[in-house]
Amino acid sequence: MKTVHVGGVPFRATDLAESVNWLMSAIQRGDPTSIRLANAYCVSLTRDDATYRDLLCSAGANLPDGAPVALVMRAKGAPTAQRVRGPSFFERALLSQELHGSRPFFLGSTPETLAALEDTLRERYPSLKAAGFYSPPYAPVSESFLEECEGAVRSSSANMIWVGLGTPKQDYVSTALAARLGMPAAGVGAAFDFLAGTVPEAPPWVQRSGFEWAYRFAAEPRRLWKRYTVGNIKFCLQVATKWRSTSDKEQPS
């Protein structure tokens, strides 16, 4: 897959189907790679957070989970780049994992959400071999936090990890766990909540419109106002600043 830089962050020029196929190949190979579903907000964070910028530019793959990111990629000469929506990627991949006998582990969210998620998985993907579920304590990412997560996964039969801890926390955790456990790990944000039914999901036509962010903003304005106001402004500034720089040149991958 071709790599296109957006605001200094490298993204894979891909689509939903190709991304799922790539993930399944990574599971089969036992590839210790971190898959990050990154959007405009993620790019905006890198403007003031060098540590997070270095993480997104490190080993692993950033998939364009956001219409603005995919739009910039196409404008920069990647006509096949499409939005890879995190919850859609999660559900499509679960179907493939069910068919191929993968053993995913689900790490994140709350015990209540994980219990509801387990019920939904049993109903919708009856042959899926879920390796385990773990809701880590609400705490910053630290060595002890990572050791607890690592221990939970290591004691299972998992060959892939789904991480639902929100941005940017899940990106740090998925990157660390992939390296420590020698298997793919993917951060998918609110996908656990959506599939479990604990948080309402935007209607399909809103998802396709490119304005799902507006739906989520209207649903949770107090929590998301900064992400979708200040974050969008920073994203535009970051893209404009990096557009012609050497760090934003497209590269083969």
Protein backbone atom coordinates (compact mmCIF):
# COMPACT_ATOMS: atom_id res chain seq x y z
CA MET A 1 0.00 0.00 0.00
CA LYS A 2 1.20 3.48 -0.89
CA THR A 3 2.03 5.82 1.99
CA VAL A 4 0.79 9.42 1.91
CA HIS A 5 1.71 11.96 4.57
CA VAL A 6 -1.03 14.18 5.97
CA GLY A 7 0.18 16.93 8.28
CA GLY A 8 3.45 15.06 8.75
CA VAL A 9 1.72 11.76 9.66
CA PRO A 10 2.11 8.76 7.28
CA PHE A 11 -1.15 7.08 6.26
CA ARG A 12 -1.74 3.97 4.17
CA ALA A 13 -3.64 4.76 0.95
CA THR A 14 -6.20 1.99 1.19
CA ASP A 15 -9.87 1.17 1.65
CA LEU A 16 -11.94 -0.92 4.04
CA ALA A 17 -11.73 -4.25 2.19
CA GLU A 18 -7.98 -4.02 1.53
CA SER A 19 -7.32 -3.02 5.15
CA VAL A 20 -9.18 -6.05 6.48
CA ASN A 21 -7.33 -8.37 4.10
CA TRP A 22 -4.04 -6.84 5.22
CA LEU A 23 -4.94 -7.36 8.88
CA MET A 24 -5.82 -11.00 8.28
CA SER A 25 -2.47 -11.54 6.56
CA ALA A 26 -0.70 -9.91 9.52
CA ILE A 27 -2.49 -12.28 11.91
CA GLN A 28 -1.51 -15.28 9.82
CA ARG A 29 2.14 -14.14 9.79
CA GLY A 30 2.17 -13.31 13.49
CA ASP A 31 3.28 -9.80 12.58
CA PRO A 32 3.79 -7.68 15.73
CA THR A 33 2.35 -4.55 14.14
CA SER A 34 0.21 -1.80 15.61
CA ILE A 35 -2.79 -0.69 13.53
CA ARG A 36 -3.94 2.80 14.35
CA LEU A 37 -7.29 4.12 13.09
CA ALA A 38 -6.22 7.76 12.97
CA ASN A 39 -8.33 10.79 12.07
CA ALA A 40 -8.02 14.56 11.84
CA TYR A 41 -8.02 14.85 15.62
CA CYS A 42 -5.02 12.50 15.84
CA VAL A 43 -3.14 14.63 13.32
CA SER A 44 -4.03 17.80 15.25
CA LEU A 45 -2.60 16.32 18.47
CA THR A 46 0.80 15.89 16.82
CA ARG A 47 1.08 19.66 16.38
CA ASP A 48 1.82 20.12 20.10
CA ASP A 49 2.75 16.59 21.20
CA ALA A 50 6.10 15.43 19.83
CA THR A 51 5.88 12.08 21.65
CA TYR A 52 2.59 11.22 19.96
CA ARG A 53 3.92 12.45 16.63
CA ASP A 54 6.90 10.12 16.96
CA LEU A 55 4.56 7.24 17.81
CA LEU A 56 2.42 7.75 14.71
CA CYS A 57 5.58 7.96 12.60
CA SER A 58 7.01 4.77 14.11
CA ALA A 59 6.56 1.18 13.00
CA GLY A 60 2.98 0.16 12.41
CA ALA A 61 0.21 1.37 10.13
CA ASN A 62 -2.04 4.43 10.29
CA LEU A 63 -5.35 3.94 8.49
CA PRO A 64 -7.38 7.03 7.49
CA ASP A 65 -10.34 6.92 9.88
CA GLY A 66 -11.74 10.26 8.85
CA ALA A 67 -13.16 11.84 5.70
CA PRO A 68 -10.88 14.92 5.91
CA VAL A 69 -7.75 12.76 6.05
CA ALA A 70 -8.85 10.66 3.06
CA LEU A 71 -9.77 13.83 1.15
CA VAL A 72 -6.30 15.30 1.66
CA MET A 73 -4.74 12.00 0.58
CA ARG A 74 -6.68 12.00 -2.67
CA ALA A 75 -5.75 15.63 -3.27
CA LYS A 76 -2.11 14.63 -2.87
CA GLY A 77 -2.24 12.04 -5.61
CA ALA A 78 -3.70 8.90 -4.01
CA PRO A 79 -7.04 8.48 -5.83
CA THR A 80 -7.76 5.09 -4.24
CA ALA A 81 -7.50 6.36 -0.66
CA GLN A 82 -10.81 5.95 1.16
CA ARG A 83 -11.94 6.44 4.72
CA VAL A 84 -11.43 3.30 6.83
CA ARG A 85 -14.06 3.87 9.51
CA GLY A 86 -12.96 2.25 12.77
CA PRO A 87 -16.25 0.57 13.81
CA SER A 88 -16.83 -0.68 10.24
CA PHE A 89 -13.27 -2.03 10.09
CA PHE A 90 -13.87 -3.75 13.45
CA GLU A 91 -17.09 -5.47 12.36
CA ARG A 92 -15.81 -6.47 8.91
CA ALA A 93 -12.63 -7.89 10.44
CA LEU A 94 -14.60 -9.83 13.07
CA LEU A 95 -16.49 -11.57 10.28
CA SER A 96 -13.21 -12.55 8.60
CA GLN A 97 -11.76 -13.66 11.93
CA GLU A 98 -14.80 -15.85 12.52
CA LEU A 99 -14.40 -17.47 9.10
CA HIS A 100 -10.66 -18.03 9.49
CA GLY A 101 -10.62 -19.23 13.10
CA SER A 102 -8.69 -16.25 14.51
CA ARG A 103 -8.58 -15.76 18.28
CA PRO A 104 -9.01 -12.05 19.05
CA PHE A 105 -8.67 -10.56 22.52
CA PHE A 106 -10.78 -7.55 23.52
CA LEU A 107 -9.08 -5.03 25.81
CA GLY A 108 -10.62 -1.76 26.96
CA SER A 109 -13.85 0.00 27.93
CA THR A 110 -15.76 -0.96 31.09
CA PRO A 111 -16.71 -4.38 32.49
CA GLU A 112 -20.36 -3.62 31.70
CA THR A 113 -19.62 -2.77 28.07
CA LEU A 114 -17.41 -5.84 27.66
CA ALA A 115 -20.16 -8.05 29.06
CA ALA A 116 -22.63 -6.57 26.56
CA LEU A 117 -20.04 -6.90 23.80
CA GLU A 118 -19.51 -10.57 24.64
CA ASP A 119 -23.26 -11.17 24.35
CA THR A 120 -23.40 -9.39 20.99
CA LEU A 121 -20.44 -11.33 19.63
CA ARG A 122 -22.02 -14.60 20.69
CA GLU A 123 -25.20 -13.65 18.83
CA ARG A 124 -23.73 -12.10 15.67
CA TYR A 125 -20.53 -14.13 15.31
CA PRO A 126 -21.40 -17.48 16.91
CA SER A 127 -18.31 -19.26 15.59
CA LEU A 128 -15.86 -16.53 16.62
CA LYS A 129 -13.19 -17.85 18.98
CA ALA A 130 -12.88 -14.88 21.35
CA ALA A 131 -9.72 -15.42 23.40
CA GLY A 132 -10.68 -13.16 26.27
CA PHE A 133 -11.92 -9.81 27.57
CA TYR A 134 -10.19 -7.38 29.92
CA SER A 135 -11.18 -3.94 31.18
CA PRO A 136 -7.99 -2.33 32.52
CA PRO A 137 -8.12 0.12 35.43
CA TYR A 138 -8.76 3.77 34.63
CA ALA A 139 -5.19 5.04 34.82
CA PRO A 140 -2.47 6.65 32.69
CA VAL A 141 -0.30 4.42 30.53
CA SER A 142 2.61 3.30 32.68
CA GLU A 143 4.83 0.26 32.95
CA SER A 144 2.56 -1.31 35.56
CA PHE A 145 -0.51 -0.60 33.41
CA LEU A 146 1.10 -2.26 30.41
CA GLU A 147 2.24 -5.22 32.49
CA GLU A 148 -1.33 -5.83 33.66
CA CYS A 149 -2.63 -5.69 30.09
CA GLU A 150 0.19 -7.88 28.84
CA GLY A 151 -0.49 -10.46 31.54
CA ALA A 152 -4.19 -10.63 30.70
CA VAL A 153 -3.50 -11.29 27.02
CA ARG A 154 -0.54 -13.60 27.56
CA SER A 155 -2.61 -15.93 29.75
CA SER A 156 -5.06 -16.41 26.86
CA SER A 157 -4.77 -18.12 23.48
CA ALA A 158 -5.02 -14.83 21.56
CA ASN A 159 -3.32 -14.21 18.23
CA MET A 160 -4.61 -10.63 17.82
CA ILE A 161 -5.68 -7.79 20.16
CA TRP A 162 -8.50 -5.27 19.76
CA VAL A 163 -7.96 -2.18 21.94
CA GLY A 164 -10.80 0.19 22.78
CA LEU A 165 -9.36 2.88 25.05
CA GLY A 166 -9.84 6.10 23.08
CA THR A 167 -7.31 8.36 21.39
CA PRO A 168 -4.39 8.72 21.97
CA LYS A 169 -4.19 6.18 24.84
CA GLN A 170 -5.11 3.18 22.71
CA ASP A 171 -2.35 3.96 20.22
CA TYR A 172 0.32 3.84 22.93
CA VAL A 173 -1.13 0.62 24.34
CA SER A 174 -1.59 -1.17 21.01
CA THR A 175 1.94 -0.28 19.90
CA ALA A 176 3.45 -1.53 23.16
CA LEU A 177 1.41 -4.73 23.32
CA ALA A 178 2.06 -5.66 19.69
CA ALA A 179 5.80 -5.50 20.32
CA ARG A 180 5.67 -7.29 23.69
CA LEU A 181 3.34 -10.09 22.64
CA GLY A 182 4.39 -10.59 19.02
CA MET A 183 0.96 -10.18 17.44
CA PRO A 184 -1.11 -7.49 15.69
CA ALA A 185 -2.97 -5.00 17.87
CA ALA A 186 -5.52 -2.47 16.62
CA GLY A 187 -7.03 0.52 18.40
CA VAL A 188 -10.66 1.04 17.40
CA GLY A 189 -11.95 3.72 19.77
CA ALA A 190 -15.69 3.59 20.43
CA ALA A 191 -16.25 0.46 18.31
CA PHE A 192 -16.72 -1.69 21.44
CA ASP A 193 -19.49 0.61 22.67
CA PHE A 194 -21.20 0.81 19.29
CA LEU A 195 -21.28 -2.95 18.76
CA ALA A 196 -22.30 -3.59 22.36
CA GLY A 197 -25.12 -1.07 22.01
CA THR A 198 -24.05 1.00 25.02
CA VAL A 199 -23.51 4.13 22.88
CA PRO A 200 -25.79 5.04 19.94
CA GLU A 201 -24.18 4.84 16.51
CA ALA A 202 -24.84 7.26 13.66
CA PRO A 203 -27.27 6.02 10.99
CA PRO A 204 -25.58 4.47 7.92
CA TRP A 205 -26.44 7.45 5.69
CA VAL A 206 -24.71 9.80 8.15
CA GLN A 207 -21.66 7.51 8.23
CA ARG A 208 -21.47 7.63 4.42
CA SER A 209 -21.96 11.40 4.24
CA GLY A 210 -18.63 12.25 5.85
CA PHE A 211 -20.40 14.18 8.62
CA GLU A 212 -20.48 11.51 11.30
CA TRP A 213 -18.37 13.86 13.41
CA ALA A 214 -21.30 16.33 13.46
CA TYR A 215 -23.66 13.59 14.66
CA ARG A 216 -21.30 12.62 17.47
CA PHE A 217 -20.70 16.28 18.36
CA ALA A 218 -24.46 16.86 18.65
CA ALA A 219 -24.83 13.75 20.82
CA GLU A 220 -21.95 14.60 23.21
CA PRO A 221 -21.17 18.34 22.88
CA ARG A 222 -19.63 18.78 26.34
CA ARG A 223 -17.15 15.94 25.81
CA LEU A 224 -16.35 16.49 22.14
CA TRP A 225 -16.51 20.26 21.58
CA LYS A 226 -12.77 20.73 21.87
CA ARG A 227 -12.00 17.82 19.53
CA TYR A 228 -14.26 19.13 16.76
CA THR A 229 -13.54 22.86 17.08
CA VAL A 230 -9.99 23.43 18.23
CA GLY A 231 -8.93 20.06 16.81
CA ASN A 232 -10.25 20.81 13.32
CA ILE A 233 -8.56 24.20 13.26
CA LYS A 234 -5.24 22.64 14.30
CA PHE A 235 -5.67 19.92 11.66
CA CYS A 236 -6.10 22.50 8.89
CA LEU A 237 -3.08 24.47 10.11
CA GLN A 238 -0.98 21.30 10.33
CA VAL A 239 -1.92 20.19 6.81
CA ALA A 240 -1.27 23.65 5.37
CA THR A 241 2.11 23.90 7.10
CA LYS A 242 3.30 20.48 5.97
CA TRP A 243 1.75 20.38 2.49
CA ARG A 244 4.87 21.22 0.51
CA SER A 245 7.48 20.04 2.99
CA THR A 246 9.70 17.05 2.30
CA SER A 247 8.16 15.22 5.28
CA ASP A 248 4.84 15.06 3.46
CA LYS A 249 6.06 13.47 0.24
CA GLU A 250 4.36 10.26 -0.81
CA GLN A 251 6.39 7.10 -0.51
CA PRO A 252 5.85 3.49 -1.59
CA SER A 253 5.24 1.04 1.22
